[in-house]
Protein backbone atom coordinates (compact mmCIF):
# COMPACT_ATOMS: atom_id res chain seq x y z
CA MET A 1 -0.07 0.04 -0.03
CA CYS A 2 2.41 2.76 1.16
CA ARG A 3 5.92 1.84 0.28
CA ASN A 4 7.32 4.76 2.19
CA ILE A 5 6.02 3.59 5.43
CA LYS A 6 8.59 1.35 7.17
CA PRO A 7 8.11 -1.10 10.06
CA LEU A 8 8.57 0.72 13.29
CA PHE A 9 8.32 -2.16 15.80
CA ASN A 10 11.13 -3.94 17.61
CA PHE A 11 13.95 -1.58 16.80
CA ASP A 12 16.78 -0.47 19.08
CA PRO A 13 16.51 2.37 19.52
CA PRO A 14 12.74 2.34 19.45
CA ALA A 15 10.81 4.49 17.05
CA THR A 16 10.56 8.17 17.68
CA ASP A 17 7.45 10.24 17.76
CA GLU A 18 8.77 11.93 14.49
CA GLU A 19 9.08 8.60 12.77
CA ILE A 20 5.50 7.64 13.78
CA HIS A 21 4.08 11.01 12.78
CA ASP A 22 5.82 10.59 9.29
CA ALA A 23 4.32 7.26 8.91
CA ALA A 24 0.86 8.54 9.75
CA LEU A 25 1.36 11.49 7.37
CA GLN A 26 2.12 9.09 4.48
CA PHE A 27 -0.80 6.96 5.36
CA VAL A 28 -3.24 10.03 5.46
CA ARG A 29 -1.67 11.32 2.17
CA LYS A 30 -2.36 7.97 0.51
CA VAL A 31 -5.82 7.52 1.84
CA SER A 32 -6.79 11.12 0.92
CA GLY A 33 -5.06 11.22 -2.28
CA ALA A 34 -3.61 14.67 -1.44
CA THR A 35 -0.06 15.45 -0.45
CA LYS A 36 -1.09 18.84 0.70
CA PRO A 37 -4.75 19.56 1.73
CA SER A 38 -6.65 22.51 0.82
CA LYS A 39 -7.13 25.19 3.32
CA ARG A 40 -10.71 23.97 3.77
CA ASN A 41 -9.50 20.42 4.54
CA GLU A 42 -6.43 21.25 6.55
CA PHE A 43 -7.88 20.85 9.87
CA ALA A 44 -9.42 17.30 9.01
CA PHE A 45 -6.14 16.33 7.49
CA GLN A 46 -3.96 17.32 10.54
CA HIS A 47 -6.50 15.72 12.86
CA ALA A 48 -6.34 12.51 11.02
CA VAL A 49 -2.48 12.57 11.12
CA SER A 50 -2.55 13.25 14.89
CA SER A 51 -5.15 10.48 15.59
CA ILE A 52 -3.29 7.89 13.50
CA ALA A 53 -0.08 8.76 15.08
CA ALA A 54 -1.45 8.32 18.54
CA CYS A 55 -2.97 4.93 17.53
CA ALA A 56 0.30 3.77 16.16
CA ARG A 57 2.24 4.80 19.32
CA GLU A 58 -0.34 2.93 21.38
CA LEU A 59 0.02 -0.11 19.22
CA LEU A 60 3.81 -0.04 19.17
CA ASP A 61 3.89 0.44 22.91
CA SER A 62 1.48 -2.56 23.50
CA LEU A 63 3.18 -5.07 21.09
CA GLU A 64 5.34 -7.76 22.70
CA THR A 65 7.90 -10.06 21.09
CA SER A 66 10.51 -12.59 22.29
CA GLN A 67 12.78 -11.72 19.44
CA PRO A 68 15.88 -9.44 20.15
CA PRO A 69 15.57 -5.79 18.84
CA ARG A 70 16.69 -5.23 15.20
CA ASP A 71 19.51 -2.91 14.39
CA ARG A 72 18.30 0.04 12.46
CA GLU A 73 21.55 0.48 10.57
CA GLU A 74 21.64 -3.16 9.59
CA VAL A 75 18.13 -3.16 8.28
CA ALA A 76 18.91 0.17 6.40
CA ALA A 77 21.92 -1.40 4.85
CA LYS A 78 19.91 -4.44 3.67
CA ALA A 79 17.35 -2.08 2.11
CA ARG A 80 19.99 -0.04 0.35
CA ALA A 81 21.44 -3.30 -1.00
CA ARG A 82 18.07 -4.46 -2.34
CA THR A 83 17.57 -1.02 -3.94
CA ALA A 84 21.03 -1.15 -5.48
CA VAL A 85 20.30 -4.60 -7.13
CA GLY A 86 16.83 -3.40 -8.27
CA PHE A 87 18.32 -0.39 -10.09
CA ALA A 88 21.64 -1.94 -11.27
């Protein structure tokens, strides 16, 4: 659905509020079909982003796993390697 939204669970260090907000923003943009809302819809757009970010934070805080936390740099390096192969 939203290729720009990255998994945020089980990382060390944990996802920041900014990362969660960015994921919520991408989701709202995708669902609404607008990257920037009109003045008329700006409040609804921002309210949706805030609500989704709060729900995402609640979800991430309540999830449990027995797996060790993933390393952000390692995951990013793997993603860069996959991208390099795809565009090579």
